[in-house]
C-alpha atoms as a PDB file:
ATOM      1  CA  MET A   1      19.707  31.941 -16.440  1.00  0.00           C
ATOM      2  CA  LEU A   2      19.132  28.876 -18.548  1.00  0.00           C
ATOM      3  CA  GLY A   3      15.545  28.523 -19.743  1.00  0.00           C
ATOM      4  CA  ILE A   4      14.891  24.891 -18.950  1.00  0.00           C
ATOM      5  CA  SER A   5      11.207  25.200 -19.752  1.00  0.00           C
ATOM      6  CA  ASN A   6      12.203  26.449 -23.226  1.00  0.00           C
ATOM      7  CA  MET A   7      14.117  23.284 -24.118  1.00  0.00           C
ATOM      8  CA  SER A   8      13.122  21.872 -27.458  1.00  0.00           C
ATOM      9  CA  ASN A   9      11.154  18.678 -27.871  1.00  0.00           C
ATOM     10  CA  THR A  10      14.115  17.177 -29.726  1.00  0.00           C
ATOM     11  CA  ALA A  11      16.209  17.392 -26.549  1.00  0.00           C
ATOM     12  CA  ILE A  12      13.511  15.512 -24.647  1.00  0.00           C
ATOM     13  CA  ALA A  13      13.213  12.988 -27.480  1.00  0.00           C
ATOM     14  CA  LYS A  14      16.974  12.369 -27.352  1.00  0.00           C
ATOM     15  CA  ALA A  15      16.709  11.776 -23.609  1.00  0.00           C
ATOM     16  CA  CYS A  16      14.111   9.076 -24.274  1.00  0.00           C
ATOM     17  CA  HIS A  17      16.392   7.095 -26.566  1.00  0.00           C
ATOM     18  CA  GLU A  18      16.093   3.311 -26.198  1.00  0.00           C
ATOM     19  CA  ASP A  19      19.663   2.999 -24.857  1.00  0.00           C
ATOM     20  CA  ILE A  20      18.916   5.276 -21.895  1.00  0.00           C
ATOM     21  CA  PRO A  21      17.412   3.525 -18.844  1.00  0.00           C
ATOM     22  CA  PRO A  22      13.766   4.515 -18.229  1.00  0.00           C
ATOM     23  CA  LYS A  23      14.433   6.002 -14.779  1.00  0.00           C
ATOM     24  CA  VAL A  24      17.154   8.250 -16.232  1.00  0.00           C
ATOM     25  CA  ALA A  25      14.861   9.338 -19.078  1.00  0.00           C
ATOM     26  CA  PHE A  26      12.106  10.054 -16.534  1.00  0.00           C
ATOM     27  CA  PHE A  27      14.511  12.133 -14.423  1.00  0.00           C
ATOM     28  CA  ILE A  28      15.580  14.134 -17.503  1.00  0.00           C
ATOM     29  CA  TRP A  29      11.941  14.675 -18.476  1.00  0.00           C
ATOM     30  CA  ARG A  30      11.172  15.928 -14.943  1.00  0.00           C
ATOM     31  CA  LEU A  31      14.274  18.147 -15.093  1.00  0.00           C
ATOM     32  CA  PHE A  32      13.095  19.770 -18.345  1.00  0.00           C
ATOM     33  CA  GLN A  33       9.621  20.265 -16.849  1.00  0.00           C
ATOM     34  CA  ASN A  34      11.070  21.844 -13.653  1.00  0.00           C
ATOM     35  CA  LYS A  35       9.364  19.162 -11.546  1.00  0.00           C
ATOM     36  CA  ILE A  36      12.400  18.155  -9.475  1.00  0.00           C
ATOM     37  CA  ALA A  37      11.959  18.649  -5.716  1.00  0.00           C
ATOM     38  CA  MET A  38      14.375  21.554  -5.422  1.00  0.00           C
ATOM     39  CA  LYS A  39      14.296  24.129  -2.650  1.00  0.00           C
ATOM     40  CA  GLU A  40      12.774  26.688  -5.030  1.00  0.00           C
ATOM     41  CA  ASN A  41       9.813  24.400  -5.808  1.00  0.00           C
ATOM     42  CA  LEU A  42       9.449  23.214  -2.199  1.00  0.00           C
ATOM     43  CA  CYS A  43       9.289  26.815  -0.961  1.00  0.00           C
ATOM     44  CA  LYS A  44       6.632  27.650  -3.568  1.00  0.00           C
ATOM     45  CA  ARG A  45       4.554  24.717  -2.278  1.00  0.00           C
ATOM     46  CA  GLN A  46       5.202  25.857   1.317  1.00  0.00           C
ATOM     47  CA  VAL A  47       6.929  22.585   2.229  1.00  0.00           C
ATOM     48  CA  LEU A  48      10.074  24.479   3.263  1.00  0.00           C
ATOM     49  CA  ASP A  49      10.382  27.837   4.942  1.00  0.00           C
ATOM     50  CA  GLN A  50      11.124  30.679   2.508  1.00  0.00           C
ATOM     51  CA  ASN A  51      14.347  31.445   4.433  1.00  0.00           C
ATOM     52  CA  SER A  52      15.842  28.032   3.596  1.00  0.00           C
ATOM     53  CA  SER A  53      15.831  28.412  -0.188  1.00  0.00           C
ATOM     54  CA  GLN A  54      19.549  29.243  -0.491  1.00  0.00           C
ATOM     55  CA  CYS A  55      21.889  26.868  -2.325  1.00  0.00           C
ATOM     56  CA  ASP A  56      23.770  24.457  -0.058  1.00  0.00           C
ATOM     57  CA  ALA A  57      27.034  25.303  -1.831  1.00  0.00           C
ATOM     58  CA  GLN A  58      27.029  28.720  -0.111  1.00  0.00           C
ATOM     59  CA  CYS A  59      26.568  30.541  -3.436  1.00  0.00           C
ATOM     60  CA  ASN A  60      24.130  33.052  -1.894  1.00  0.00           C
ATOM     61  CA  VAL A  61      21.715  32.242  -4.710  1.00  0.00           C
ATOM     62  CA  GLU A  62      18.278  30.646  -4.533  1.00  0.00           C
ATOM     63  CA  GLU A  63      18.540  26.933  -5.281  1.00  0.00           C
ATOM     64  CA  SER A  64      16.773  26.198  -8.542  1.00  0.00           C
ATOM     65  CA  VAL A  65      17.079  23.479 -11.155  1.00  0.00           C
ATOM     66  CA  SER A  66      19.029  25.661 -13.565  1.00  0.00           C
ATOM     67  CA  HIS A  67      21.360  26.936 -10.838  1.00  0.00           C
ATOM     68  CA  LEU A  68      22.092  23.532  -9.318  1.00  0.00           C
ATOM     69  CA  PHE A  69      22.624  21.578 -12.540  1.00  0.00           C
ATOM     70  CA  PHE A  70      24.115  24.240 -14.821  1.00  0.00           C
ATOM     71  CA  GLU A  71      25.358  27.324 -12.935  1.00  0.00           C
ATOM     72  CA  SER A  72      26.587  26.289  -9.473  1.00  0.00           C
ATOM     73  CA  PRO A  73      30.382  26.287  -9.300  1.00  0.00           C
ATOM     74  CA  VAL A  74      30.283  23.265  -6.971  1.00  0.00           C
ATOM     75  CA  PHE A  75      27.468  21.026  -8.218  1.00  0.00           C
ATOM     76  CA  ALA A  76      27.418  21.800 -11.957  1.00  0.00           C
ATOM     77  CA  SER A  77      30.940  20.465 -12.323  1.00  0.00           C
ATOM     78  CA  LEU A  78      29.853  17.040 -11.073  1.00  0.00           C
END
């Protein structure tokens, strides 16, 4: 599993480059901080039922930031 919280500050600094639109940089910053509203985070906050935390790509894996953006055979390829 990819350790998103262990990303270096240089990766975040590169995401905040002046050529990158602010909303994209903000999304990348939230991605590195694991603050995206994913099923994993929504279940932890009890917004969603614990039974609905599976990935929508039918991977039989809990949907998390690292799975959806880097490991999912369907969504990571996008």
